[in-house]
N, C-alpha and C. Protein backbone atom coordinates (compact mmCIF):
# COMPACT_ATOMS: atom_id res chain seq x y z
N MET A 1 -124.44 -60.27 46.58
CA MET A 1 -124.53 -58.99 45.90
C MET A 1 -123.79 -59.09 44.57
N THR A 2 -124.30 -58.36 43.66
CA THR A 2 -123.67 -58.39 42.34
C THR A 2 -122.60 -57.31 42.26
N LYS A 3 -121.83 -57.41 41.19
CA LYS A 3 -120.77 -56.42 41.00
C LYS A 3 -121.35 -55.03 40.79
N THR A 4 -122.43 -54.92 40.11
CA THR A 4 -123.03 -53.60 39.85
C THR A 4 -123.58 -52.98 41.13
N ALA A 5 -124.12 -53.80 42.04
CA ALA A 5 -124.64 -53.27 43.31
C ALA A 5 -123.49 -52.73 44.15
N ILE A 6 -122.39 -53.45 44.21
CA ILE A 6 -121.22 -52.98 44.97
C ILE A 6 -120.68 -51.70 44.33
N PHE A 7 -120.61 -51.71 43.00
CA PHE A 7 -120.12 -50.54 42.28
C PHE A 7 -121.03 -49.33 42.52
N ASN A 8 -122.33 -49.55 42.52
CA ASN A 8 -123.28 -48.46 42.76
C ASN A 8 -123.13 -47.89 44.17
N ARG A 9 -122.95 -48.75 45.15
CA ARG A 9 -122.77 -48.29 46.54
C ARG A 9 -121.47 -47.49 46.67
N LEU A 10 -120.40 -48.00 46.10
CA LEU A 10 -119.13 -47.27 46.15
C LEU A 10 -119.26 -45.93 45.43
N TRP A 11 -119.93 -45.91 44.30
CA TRP A 11 -120.10 -44.67 43.55
C TRP A 11 -120.91 -43.65 44.35
N ARG A 12 -121.97 -44.08 45.02
CA ARG A 12 -122.76 -43.18 45.86
C ARG A 12 -121.93 -42.65 47.03
N PHE A 13 -121.09 -43.52 47.60
CA PHE A 13 -120.21 -43.10 48.68
C PHE A 13 -119.23 -42.03 48.19
N VAL A 14 -118.68 -42.23 47.01
CA VAL A 14 -117.75 -41.25 46.43
C VAL A 14 -118.47 -39.94 46.15
N LEU A 15 -119.70 -40.00 45.70
CA LEU A 15 -120.45 -38.78 45.42
C LEU A 15 -120.84 -38.03 46.70
N VAL A 16 -120.98 -38.74 47.80
CA VAL A 16 -121.35 -38.12 49.08
C VAL A 16 -120.15 -37.44 49.73
N LEU A 17 -118.94 -37.92 49.47
CA LEU A 17 -117.74 -37.40 50.14
C LEU A 17 -117.55 -35.89 49.99
N PRO A 18 -117.66 -35.29 48.80
CA PRO A 18 -117.46 -33.84 48.72
C PRO A 18 -118.44 -33.05 49.59
N GLY A 19 -119.70 -33.47 49.60
CA GLY A 19 -120.68 -32.79 50.45
C GLY A 19 -120.35 -32.94 51.92
N LEU A 20 -119.90 -34.13 52.30
CA LEU A 20 -119.52 -34.38 53.69
C LEU A 20 -118.32 -33.53 54.09
N PHE A 21 -117.29 -33.51 53.24
CA PHE A 21 -116.11 -32.70 53.54
C PHE A 21 -116.45 -31.21 53.55
N SER A 22 -117.32 -30.79 52.66
CA SER A 22 -117.74 -29.40 52.62
C SER A 22 -118.43 -29.00 53.91
N ARG A 23 -119.32 -29.84 54.38
CA ARG A 23 -120.03 -29.56 55.62
C ARG A 23 -119.07 -29.55 56.82
N LEU A 24 -118.17 -30.53 56.89
CA LEU A 24 -117.19 -30.57 57.98
C LEU A 24 -116.27 -29.35 57.93
N PHE A 25 -115.89 -28.93 56.73
CA PHE A 25 -115.05 -27.75 56.58
C PHE A 25 -115.78 -26.51 57.10
N GLY A 26 -117.06 -26.38 56.78
CA GLY A 26 -117.86 -25.25 57.28
C GLY A 26 -117.97 -25.25 58.79
N TYR A 27 -118.19 -26.43 59.37
CA TYR A 27 -118.24 -26.53 60.83
C TYR A 27 -116.89 -26.18 61.45
N GLY A 28 -115.83 -26.61 60.81
CA GLY A 28 -114.49 -26.30 61.31
C GLY A 28 -114.22 -24.80 61.29
N LEU A 29 -114.62 -24.14 60.20
CA LEU A 29 -114.43 -22.68 60.12
C LEU A 29 -115.25 -21.97 61.18
N PHE A 30 -116.47 -22.42 61.40
CA PHE A 30 -117.29 -21.82 62.45
C PHE A 30 -116.61 -21.99 63.81
N PHE A 31 -116.09 -23.17 64.08
CA PHE A 31 -115.42 -23.44 65.35
C PHE A 31 -114.20 -22.54 65.52
N VAL A 32 -113.42 -22.36 64.47
CA VAL A 32 -112.23 -21.50 64.54
C VAL A 32 -112.65 -20.06 64.81
N GLN A 33 -113.70 -19.58 64.15
CA GLN A 33 -114.17 -18.22 64.39
C GLN A 33 -114.71 -18.07 65.81
N PHE A 34 -115.37 -19.08 66.31
CA PHE A 34 -115.88 -19.03 67.68
C PHE A 34 -114.73 -18.95 68.68
N ILE A 35 -113.70 -19.78 68.49
CA ILE A 35 -112.54 -19.74 69.38
C ILE A 35 -111.85 -18.39 69.29
N ASP A 36 -111.72 -17.84 68.08
CA ASP A 36 -111.11 -16.53 67.90
C ASP A 36 -111.92 -15.46 68.62
N PHE A 37 -113.24 -15.53 68.52
CA PHE A 37 -114.11 -14.59 69.22
C PHE A 37 -113.92 -14.69 70.73
N MET A 38 -113.85 -15.91 71.25
CA MET A 38 -113.74 -16.10 72.69
C MET A 38 -112.42 -15.55 73.24
N TYR A 39 -111.36 -15.64 72.47
CA TYR A 39 -110.06 -15.20 72.96
C TYR A 39 -109.75 -13.75 72.64
N ASN A 40 -110.44 -13.13 71.69
CA ASN A 40 -110.09 -11.78 71.27
C ASN A 40 -111.15 -10.73 71.56
N SER A 41 -112.26 -11.08 72.15
CA SER A 41 -113.28 -10.07 72.44
C SER A 41 -113.39 -9.87 73.95
N ASP A 42 -113.99 -8.75 74.33
CA ASP A 42 -114.18 -8.46 75.74
C ASP A 42 -115.13 -9.46 76.39
N ILE A 43 -116.15 -9.86 75.66
CA ILE A 43 -117.11 -10.83 76.19
C ILE A 43 -116.42 -12.17 76.42
N GLY A 44 -115.60 -12.56 75.46
CA GLY A 44 -114.87 -13.82 75.59
C GLY A 44 -113.93 -13.80 76.78
N VAL A 45 -113.28 -12.67 77.00
CA VAL A 45 -112.36 -12.56 78.14
C VAL A 45 -113.14 -12.69 79.44
N GLN A 46 -114.35 -12.13 79.49
CA GLN A 46 -115.17 -12.26 80.69
C GLN A 46 -115.55 -13.71 80.94
N PHE A 47 -115.84 -14.47 79.88
CA PHE A 47 -116.17 -15.88 80.05
C PHE A 47 -114.95 -16.69 80.49
N VAL A 48 -113.80 -16.39 79.89
CA VAL A 48 -112.59 -17.16 80.20
C VAL A 48 -112.13 -16.86 81.62
N LYS A 49 -112.16 -15.59 82.01
CA LYS A 49 -111.68 -15.18 83.33
C LYS A 49 -112.87 -14.84 84.23
N LYS A 50 -113.82 -15.71 84.29
CA LYS A 50 -115.08 -15.45 84.99
C LYS A 50 -114.88 -15.22 86.49
N ASN A 51 -114.05 -16.01 87.12
CA ASN A 51 -113.92 -15.94 88.58
C ASN A 51 -112.74 -15.10 89.04
N ILE A 52 -112.01 -14.51 88.12
CA ILE A 52 -110.86 -13.71 88.50
C ILE A 52 -111.30 -12.27 88.69
N THR A 53 -111.02 -11.70 89.86
CA THR A 53 -111.38 -10.31 90.12
C THR A 53 -110.30 -9.42 89.52
N PRO A 54 -110.69 -8.32 88.91
CA PRO A 54 -109.69 -7.45 88.29
C PRO A 54 -108.85 -6.76 89.35
N HIS A 55 -107.60 -6.53 89.00
CA HIS A 55 -106.69 -5.83 89.90
C HIS A 55 -106.98 -4.34 89.85
N ILE A 56 -107.35 -3.76 90.96
CA ILE A 56 -107.64 -2.34 91.03
C ILE A 56 -106.38 -1.64 91.51
N PRO A 57 -105.85 -0.72 90.71
CA PRO A 57 -104.61 -0.06 91.12
C PRO A 57 -104.85 0.85 92.32
N PRO A 58 -103.83 1.03 93.13
CA PRO A 58 -103.97 1.94 94.26
C PRO A 58 -104.06 3.38 93.78
N ALA A 59 -104.45 4.25 94.68
CA ALA A 59 -104.51 5.66 94.35
C ALA A 59 -103.12 6.14 93.95
N PRO A 60 -103.04 7.17 93.10
CA PRO A 60 -101.73 7.63 92.64
C PRO A 60 -100.76 7.94 93.76
N HIS A 61 -101.24 8.54 94.83
CA HIS A 61 -100.35 8.82 95.95
C HIS A 61 -101.15 8.56 97.22
N LYS A 62 -100.70 7.65 98.03
CA LYS A 62 -101.49 7.22 99.18
C LYS A 62 -101.67 8.32 100.22
N LEU A 63 -100.76 9.28 100.27
CA LEU A 63 -100.85 10.32 101.28
C LEU A 63 -101.82 11.44 100.88
N LEU A 64 -102.18 11.52 99.63
CA LEU A 64 -103.03 12.60 99.16
C LEU A 64 -104.46 12.11 98.92
N CYS A 65 -105.40 12.76 99.57
CA CYS A 65 -106.80 12.46 99.28
C CYS A 65 -107.30 13.51 98.27
N GLU A 66 -108.52 13.36 97.83
CA GLU A 66 -109.07 14.23 96.79
C GLU A 66 -109.01 15.71 97.18
N SER A 67 -109.37 16.01 98.41
CA SER A 67 -109.38 17.42 98.84
C SER A 67 -107.96 17.99 98.86
N ASN A 68 -106.98 17.17 99.25
CA ASN A 68 -105.59 17.65 99.27
C ASN A 68 -105.05 17.85 97.86
N VAL A 69 -105.48 17.03 96.94
CA VAL A 69 -105.03 17.20 95.55
C VAL A 69 -105.56 18.52 95.01
N GLN A 70 -106.79 18.86 95.36
CA GLN A 70 -107.36 20.11 94.87
C GLN A 70 -106.67 21.32 95.50
N LEU A 71 -106.16 21.16 96.73
CA LEU A 71 -105.44 22.25 97.39
C LEU A 71 -103.98 22.31 96.98
N LEU A 72 -103.51 21.33 96.26
CA LEU A 72 -102.11 21.25 95.84
C LEU A 72 -101.78 22.42 94.92
N ASP A 73 -100.55 22.87 95.00
CA ASP A 73 -100.08 23.95 94.13
C ASP A 73 -100.34 23.55 92.67
N THR A 74 -100.76 24.49 91.86
CA THR A 74 -101.14 24.18 90.49
C THR A 74 -99.97 23.73 89.63
N ASN A 75 -98.76 23.93 90.06
CA ASN A 75 -97.59 23.52 89.28
C ASN A 75 -97.02 22.19 89.74
N LYS A 76 -97.65 21.52 90.70
CA LYS A 76 -97.13 20.25 91.22
C LYS A 76 -97.89 19.06 90.64
N CYS A 77 -97.16 17.99 90.43
CA CYS A 77 -97.73 16.74 89.93
C CYS A 77 -98.33 15.96 91.10
N PRO A 78 -99.56 15.46 91.00
CA PRO A 78 -100.16 14.68 92.09
C PRO A 78 -99.46 13.34 92.35
N LEU A 79 -98.66 12.86 91.41
CA LEU A 79 -97.98 11.58 91.60
C LEU A 79 -96.64 11.74 92.31
N CYS A 80 -95.81 12.65 91.82
CA CYS A 80 -94.47 12.78 92.41
C CYS A 80 -94.37 13.95 93.38
N LEU A 81 -95.38 14.81 93.43
CA LEU A 81 -95.45 15.97 94.32
C LEU A 81 -94.33 16.97 94.07
N ARG A 82 -93.76 16.96 92.88
CA ARG A 82 -92.73 17.94 92.50
C ARG A 82 -93.29 18.81 91.38
N ARG A 83 -92.51 19.82 91.04
CA ARG A 83 -92.92 20.70 89.94
C ARG A 83 -93.06 19.87 88.66
N ARG A 84 -94.19 20.08 87.95
CA ARG A 84 -94.45 19.29 86.74
C ARG A 84 -93.48 19.64 85.63
N THR A 85 -93.08 18.59 84.91
CA THR A 85 -92.29 18.79 83.69
C THR A 85 -93.05 18.11 82.56
N ASN A 86 -93.13 18.77 81.43
CA ASN A 86 -93.84 18.24 80.27
C ASN A 86 -95.29 17.90 80.65
N ASP A 87 -96.05 18.93 80.99
CA ASP A 87 -97.41 18.77 81.49
C ASP A 87 -98.28 17.92 80.55
N THR A 88 -99.04 17.01 81.18
CA THR A 88 -99.95 16.15 80.43
C THR A 88 -101.26 16.07 81.20
N ALA A 89 -102.37 16.42 80.53
CA ALA A 89 -103.69 16.39 81.18
C ALA A 89 -104.42 15.12 80.76
N LEU A 90 -105.07 14.48 81.73
CA LEU A 90 -105.89 13.31 81.43
C LEU A 90 -107.29 13.79 81.05
N SER A 91 -107.79 13.31 79.94
CA SER A 91 -109.11 13.74 79.48
C SER A 91 -110.22 13.20 80.37
N VAL A 92 -109.96 12.10 81.07
CA VAL A 92 -110.99 11.50 81.91
C VAL A 92 -111.22 12.31 83.18
N SER A 93 -110.12 12.69 83.86
CA SER A 93 -110.26 13.37 85.14
C SER A 93 -109.99 14.87 85.06
N GLY A 94 -109.20 15.29 84.08
CA GLY A 94 -108.83 16.70 83.99
C GLY A 94 -107.59 17.04 84.79
N TYR A 95 -107.06 16.09 85.56
CA TYR A 95 -105.84 16.33 86.32
C TYR A 95 -104.66 16.45 85.38
N VAL A 96 -103.67 17.24 85.81
CA VAL A 96 -102.47 17.44 85.01
C VAL A 96 -101.30 16.81 85.76
N PHE A 97 -100.54 15.97 85.05
CA PHE A 97 -99.42 15.24 85.62
C PHE A 97 -98.16 15.52 84.81
N CYS A 98 -97.02 15.10 85.35
CA CYS A 98 -95.80 15.04 84.54
C CYS A 98 -96.02 13.91 83.54
N TYR A 99 -95.53 14.10 82.32
CA TYR A 99 -95.73 13.05 81.32
C TYR A 99 -95.06 11.75 81.77
N ALA A 100 -93.85 11.83 82.28
CA ALA A 100 -93.12 10.63 82.70
C ALA A 100 -93.86 9.91 83.83
N CYS A 101 -94.39 10.66 84.79
CA CYS A 101 -95.10 10.04 85.93
C CYS A 101 -96.34 9.29 85.47
N ILE A 102 -97.18 9.96 84.68
CA ILE A 102 -98.44 9.32 84.28
C ILE A 102 -98.19 8.20 83.28
N ASP A 103 -97.16 8.35 82.45
CA ASP A 103 -96.82 7.29 81.50
C ASP A 103 -96.40 6.03 82.25
N ASN A 104 -95.54 6.19 83.25
CA ASN A 104 -95.11 5.03 84.05
C ASN A 104 -96.28 4.43 84.82
N HIS A 105 -97.14 5.28 85.37
CA HIS A 105 -98.28 4.80 86.15
C HIS A 105 -99.25 3.99 85.27
N VAL A 106 -99.54 4.51 84.07
CA VAL A 106 -100.46 3.81 83.17
C VAL A 106 -99.84 2.50 82.68
N LYS A 107 -98.56 2.51 82.37
CA LYS A 107 -97.90 1.27 81.92
C LYS A 107 -97.85 0.24 83.04
N GLU A 108 -97.63 0.69 84.26
CA GLU A 108 -97.54 -0.24 85.39
C GLU A 108 -98.88 -0.88 85.70
N PHE A 109 -99.94 -0.09 85.72
CA PHE A 109 -101.25 -0.61 86.11
C PHE A 109 -102.17 -0.87 84.93
N LYS A 110 -101.72 -0.54 83.72
CA LYS A 110 -102.46 -0.79 82.48
C LYS A 110 -103.87 -0.20 82.53
N ARG A 111 -103.99 0.96 83.11
CA ARG A 111 -105.28 1.67 83.17
C ARG A 111 -105.04 3.15 82.99
């Protein structure tokens, strides 16, 4: 091979490098976004924790069933069964609890 042929091959290799690095950089960014999606989205959490069953919290008070809660005095909290302090209503169920009781319950069971 002549010197010019070697020089031409090296020059073509040098010219290809920016395109190669650009393409690899794009693939790397896509991979990082994909990993971020998998760890930060609800769908990703379902894929990661596919076989884990969610922890279902117990009923607020094991001794009270739905009919007994409805018969409960209107000033009593369904969680502590005492007179409510700092009334707080849940928009989902409409039940009214003590703020401290429902705050602790939600923090404990994260629901």
